[in-house]
Amino acid sequence: MESPNPYAPPASDLGVAGETLSQTRINALDVSPKWKERFIAISHAGGSKLPNFKQLPRHERQKAMSLNFLAFFFGPIYYAVKGMWKRGLVYFALGAVVIVIAGLILEHFGFGLIARSLHFGLSAIYGMRANIDFYKKNVEGDNGWW
């Protein structure tokens, strides 16, 4: 049997109380039940930064970090419809700059086919970040960088 670490900080019940508060707040939101399930899974993973993601069971990990197909295909339009136009605009601007610069460099070195498919990377960013960004907007109250 291991002896407890005398230098460890004392344990508290704040995590349990915070989790209950978060679930109560999520259940009170005006979103569909599917979004509530996703938000609860993200909350169990530790919030938008997902520090406890690896400790979640597989089915909950899939809910927390699933690809959002509508965001993948419609990107900035999806973000604008969901009320996250600031983030969508920033992703679009940064992605366009990176795609143009990387495309010019790749085209110069003869990798034109790769250069013409770079936009799929930006679509993947929209698809993977949409659920977490919507969680930030609705649960954490963070709707952009300015």
C-alpha atoms as a PDB file:
ATOM      1  CA  MET A   1       0.000   0.000   0.000  1.00  0.00           C
ATOM      2  CA  GLU A   2       1.331   3.412  -0.954  1.00  0.00           C
ATOM      3  CA  SER A   3       1.537   6.122   1.626  1.00  0.00           C
ATOM      4  CA  PRO A   4      -0.008   9.458   0.667  1.00  0.00           C
ATOM      5  CA  ASN A   5       2.301  12.216  -0.495  1.00  0.00           C
ATOM      6  CA  PRO A   6       2.769  14.669   2.396  1.00  0.00           C
ATOM      7  CA  TYR A   7       3.616  17.467  -0.050  1.00  0.00           C
ATOM      8  CA  ALA A   8       0.518  17.063  -2.229  1.00  0.00           C
ATOM      9  CA  PRO A   9      -2.113  19.797  -2.040  1.00  0.00           C
ATOM     10  CA  PRO A  10      -5.276  18.880  -0.177  1.00  0.00           C
ATOM     11  CA  ALA A  11      -8.066  17.307  -2.200  1.00  0.00           C
ATOM     12  CA  SER A  12     -11.279  19.213  -2.624  1.00  0.00           C
ATOM     13  CA  ASP A  13     -14.787  18.505  -3.866  1.00  0.00           C
ATOM     14  CA  LEU A  14     -14.819  21.496  -6.227  1.00  0.00           C
ATOM     15  CA  GLY A  15     -14.580  19.271  -9.311  1.00  0.00           C
ATOM     16  CA  VAL A  16     -17.807  17.454  -8.468  1.00  0.00           C
ATOM     17  CA  ALA A  17     -19.651  20.663  -7.595  1.00  0.00           C
ATOM     18  CA  GLY A  18     -18.339  22.364 -10.727  1.00  0.00           C
ATOM     19  CA  GLU A  19     -19.404  19.415 -12.864  1.00  0.00           C
ATOM     20  CA  THR A  20     -22.923  19.473 -11.407  1.00  0.00           C
ATOM     21  CA  LEU A  21     -23.130  23.220 -11.978  1.00  0.00           C
ATOM     22  CA  SER A  22     -21.934  22.775 -15.562  1.00  0.00           C
ATOM     23  CA  GLN A  23     -24.488  20.026 -16.283  1.00  0.00           C
ATOM     24  CA  THR A  24     -27.277  22.133 -14.802  1.00  0.00           C
ATOM     25  CA  ARG A  25     -26.206  25.038 -16.988  1.00  0.00           C
ATOM     26  CA  ILE A  26     -25.989  22.798 -20.067  1.00  0.00           C
ATOM     27  CA  ASN A  27     -29.464  21.328 -19.469  1.00  0.00           C
ATOM     28  CA  ALA A  28     -30.891  24.852 -19.233  1.00  0.00           C
ATOM     29  CA  LEU A  29     -29.529  25.868 -22.662  1.00  0.00           C
ATOM     30  CA  ASP A  30     -31.846  26.348 -25.607  1.00  0.00           C
ATOM     31  CA  VAL A  31     -30.148  23.780 -27.875  1.00  0.00           C
ATOM     32  CA  SER A  32     -31.122  20.349 -29.158  1.00  0.00           C
ATOM     33  CA  PRO A  33     -30.649  17.235 -26.990  1.00  0.00           C
ATOM     34  CA  LYS A  34     -27.822  16.112 -29.303  1.00  0.00           C
ATOM     35  CA  TRP A  35     -25.916  19.337 -28.615  1.00  0.00           C
ATOM     36  CA  LYS A  36     -26.527  18.864 -24.876  1.00  0.00           C
ATOM     37  CA  GLU A  37     -24.966  15.383 -25.086  1.00  0.00           C
ATOM     38  CA  ARG A  38     -21.944  16.820 -26.882  1.00  0.00           C
ATOM     39  CA  PHE A  39     -21.626  19.646 -24.355  1.00  0.00           C
ATOM     40  CA  ILE A  40     -21.805  17.221 -21.416  1.00  0.00           C
ATOM     41  CA  ALA A  41     -19.111  15.026 -23.017  1.00  0.00           C
ATOM     42  CA  ILE A  42     -16.882  18.085 -23.526  1.00  0.00           C
ATOM     43  CA  SER A  43     -17.573  19.117 -19.936  1.00  0.00           C
ATOM     44  CA  HIS A  44     -16.529  15.650 -18.716  1.00  0.00           C
ATOM     45  CA  ALA A  45     -13.335  16.054 -20.741  1.00  0.00           C
ATOM     46  CA  GLY A  46     -12.521  19.164 -18.719  1.00  0.00           C
ATOM     47  CA  GLY A  47     -14.007  21.947 -20.826  1.00  0.00           C
ATOM     48  CA  SER A  48     -12.868  23.460 -24.093  1.00  0.00           C
ATOM     49  CA  LYS A  49      -9.188  22.584 -23.613  1.00  0.00           C
ATOM     50  CA  LEU A  50     -10.066  18.872 -23.094  1.00  0.00           C
ATOM     51  CA  PRO A  51      -7.419  18.055 -20.439  1.00  0.00           C
ATOM     52  CA  ASN A  52      -9.189  14.835 -19.347  1.00  0.00           C
ATOM     53  CA  PHE A  53      -9.969  13.638 -22.870  1.00  0.00           C
ATOM     54  CA  LYS A  54      -7.894  10.432 -22.629  1.00  0.00           C
ATOM     55  CA  GLN A  55      -9.690   9.326 -19.442  1.00  0.00           C
ATOM     56  CA  LEU A  56     -13.136   9.351 -21.084  1.00  0.00           C
ATOM     57  CA  PRO A  57     -14.733   6.138 -22.318  1.00  0.00           C
ATOM     58  CA  ARG A  58     -14.625   5.685 -26.086  1.00  0.00           C
ATOM     59  CA  HIS A  59     -18.284   6.565 -26.759  1.00  0.00           C
ATOM     60  CA  GLU A  60     -17.924   9.811 -24.799  1.00  0.00           C
ATOM     61  CA  ARG A  61     -14.700  10.691 -26.626  1.00  0.00           C
ATOM     62  CA  GLN A  62     -16.546  10.305 -29.907  1.00  0.00           C
ATOM     63  CA  LYS A  63     -19.258  12.705 -28.746  1.00  0.00           C
ATOM     64  CA  ALA A  64     -16.712  15.252 -27.519  1.00  0.00           C
ATOM     65  CA  MET A  65     -14.494  15.278 -30.612  1.00  0.00           C
ATOM     66  CA  SER A  66     -16.544  14.153 -33.573  1.00  0.00           C
ATOM     67  CA  LEU A  67     -16.244  15.731 -37.009  1.00  0.00           C
ATOM     68  CA  ASN A  68     -19.044  18.195 -37.641  1.00  0.00           C
ATOM     69  CA  PHE A  69     -19.937  17.514 -41.278  1.00  0.00           C
ATOM     70  CA  LEU A  70     -21.975  20.683 -41.763  1.00  0.00           C
ATOM     71  CA  ALA A  71     -19.053  22.782 -40.546  1.00  0.00           C
ATOM     72  CA  PHE A  72     -16.690  20.758 -42.751  1.00  0.00           C
ATOM     73  CA  PHE A  73     -18.711  21.432 -45.897  1.00  0.00           C
ATOM     74  CA  PHE A  74     -19.992  24.956 -45.203  1.00  0.00           C
ATOM     75  CA  GLY A  75     -17.257  26.396 -42.919  1.00  0.00           C
ATOM     76  CA  PRO A  76     -17.692  30.167 -42.511  1.00  0.00           C
ATOM     77  CA  ILE A  77     -21.399  30.035 -43.380  1.00  0.00           C
ATOM     78  CA  TYR A  78     -22.005  27.430 -40.652  1.00  0.00           C
ATOM     79  CA  TYR A  79     -20.121  29.539 -38.126  1.00  0.00           C
ATOM     80  CA  ALA A  80     -22.117  32.641 -39.088  1.00  0.00           C
ATOM     81  CA  VAL A  81     -25.443  30.805 -38.772  1.00  0.00           C
ATOM     82  CA  LYS A  82     -24.459  29.500 -35.316  1.00  0.00           C
ATOM     83  CA  GLY A  83     -23.547  33.031 -34.211  1.00  0.00           C
ATOM     84  CA  MET A  84     -19.789  32.457 -34.150  1.00  0.00           C
ATOM     85  CA  TRP A  85     -19.006  34.757 -37.068  1.00  0.00           C
ATOM     86  CA  LYS A  86     -15.897  36.243 -35.409  1.00  0.00           C
ATOM     87  CA  ARG A  87     -14.165  32.879 -35.115  1.00  0.00           C
ATOM     88  CA  GLY A  88     -15.315  31.855 -38.582  1.00  0.00           C
ATOM     89  CA  LEU A  89     -13.941  35.056 -40.065  1.00  0.00           C
ATOM     90  CA  VAL A  90     -10.586  34.658 -38.301  1.00  0.00           C
ATOM     91  CA  TYR A  91     -10.271  31.005 -39.375  1.00  0.00           C
ATOM     92  CA  PHE A  92     -11.107  32.006 -42.942  1.00  0.00           C
ATOM     93  CA  ALA A  93      -8.612  34.886 -43.058  1.00  0.00           C
ATOM     94  CA  LEU A  94      -5.752  32.928 -41.499  1.00  0.00           C
ATOM     95  CA  GLY A  95      -6.527  29.878 -43.617  1.00  0.00           C
ATOM     96  CA  ALA A  96      -6.635  31.919 -46.819  1.00  0.00           C
ATOM     97  CA  VAL A  97      -3.254  33.489 -46.086  1.00  0.00           C
ATOM     98  CA  VAL A  98      -1.657  30.127 -45.261  1.00  0.00           C
ATOM     99  CA  ILE A  99      -3.232  28.422 -48.270  1.00  0.00           C
ATOM    100  CA  VAL A 100      -2.097  31.141 -50.687  1.00  0.00           C
ATOM    101  CA  ILE A 101       1.476  31.207 -49.365  1.00  0.00           C
ATOM    102  CA  ALA A 102       1.799  27.409 -49.146  1.00  0.00           C
ATOM    103  CA  GLY A 103       0.137  27.055 -52.557  1.00  0.00           C
ATOM    104  CA  LEU A 104       2.603  29.427 -54.192  1.00  0.00           C
ATOM    105  CA  ILE A 105       5.557  27.639 -52.619  1.00  0.00           C
ATOM    106  CA  LEU A 106       4.270  24.187 -53.590  1.00  0.00           C
ATOM    107  CA  GLU A 107       3.430  25.342 -57.111  1.00  0.00           C
ATOM    108  CA  HIS A 108       6.947  26.728 -57.489  1.00  0.00           C
ATOM    109  CA  PHE A 109       8.454  23.357 -56.592  1.00  0.00           C
ATOM    110  CA  GLY A 110       6.130  21.444 -58.919  1.00  0.00           C
ATOM    111  CA  PHE A 111       3.618  20.113 -56.414  1.00  0.00           C
ATOM    112  CA  GLY A 112       0.583  21.721 -58.017  1.00  0.00           C
ATOM    113  CA  LEU A 113      -1.771  18.850 -57.213  1.00  0.00           C
ATOM    114  CA  ILE A 114      -1.034  19.184 -53.507  1.00  0.00           C
ATOM    115  CA  ALA A 115      -1.377  22.975 -53.745  1.00  0.00           C
ATOM    116  CA  ARG A 116      -4.843  22.652 -55.247  1.00  0.00           C
ATOM    117  CA  SER A 117      -6.028  20.407 -52.398  1.00  0.00           C
ATOM    118  CA  LEU A 118      -4.918  22.570 -49.455  1.00  0.00           C
ATOM    119  CA  HIS A 119      -8.435  23.897 -48.908  1.00  0.00           C
ATOM    120  CA  PHE A 120      -9.424  20.504 -47.475  1.00  0.00           C
ATOM    121  CA  GLY A 121      -7.166  21.266 -44.513  1.00  0.00           C
ATOM    122  CA  LEU A 122      -9.115  24.435 -43.767  1.00  0.00           C
ATOM    123  CA  SER A 123     -12.370  22.497 -44.047  1.00  0.00           C
ATOM    124  CA  ALA A 124     -11.008  19.940 -41.580  1.00  0.00           C
ATOM    125  CA  ILE A 125     -10.192  22.735 -39.113  1.00  0.00           C
ATOM    126  CA  TYR A 126     -13.771  24.013 -39.345  1.00  0.00           C
ATOM    127  CA  GLY A 127     -15.152  20.498 -38.923  1.00  0.00           C
ATOM    128  CA  MET A 128     -12.995  19.594 -35.923  1.00  0.00           C
ATOM    129  CA  ARG A 129     -13.271  22.910 -34.058  1.00  0.00           C
ATOM    130  CA  ALA A 130     -16.988  23.609 -34.544  1.00  0.00           C
ATOM    131  CA  ASN A 131     -18.270  21.572 -31.580  1.00  0.00           C
ATOM    132  CA  ILE A 132     -15.697  22.997 -29.173  1.00  0.00           C
ATOM    133  CA  ASP A 133     -16.236  26.553 -30.417  1.00  0.00           C
ATOM    134  CA  PHE A 134     -20.002  26.183 -30.024  1.00  0.00           C
ATOM    135  CA  TYR A 135     -19.400  24.858 -26.485  1.00  0.00           C
ATOM    136  CA  LYS A 136     -17.257  27.909 -25.736  1.00  0.00           C
ATOM    137  CA  LYS A 137     -19.978  30.211 -27.019  1.00  0.00           C
ATOM    138  CA  ASN A 138     -22.903  28.643 -25.171  1.00  0.00           C
ATOM    139  CA  VAL A 139     -21.437  27.208 -21.968  1.00  0.00           C
ATOM    140  CA  GLU A 140     -18.365  29.353 -21.296  1.00  0.00           C
ATOM    141  CA  GLY A 141     -19.719  32.574 -22.807  1.00  0.00           C
ATOM    142  CA  ASP A 142     -16.614  33.084 -24.990  1.00  0.00           C
ATOM    143  CA  ASN A 143     -17.671  34.132 -28.492  1.00  0.00           C
ATOM    144  CA  GLY A 144     -14.481  35.270 -30.131  1.00  0.00           C
ATOM    145  CA  TRP A 145     -11.111  36.824 -29.772  1.00  0.00           C
ATOM    146  CA  TRP A 146     -12.146  40.471 -29.754  1.00  0.00           C
END
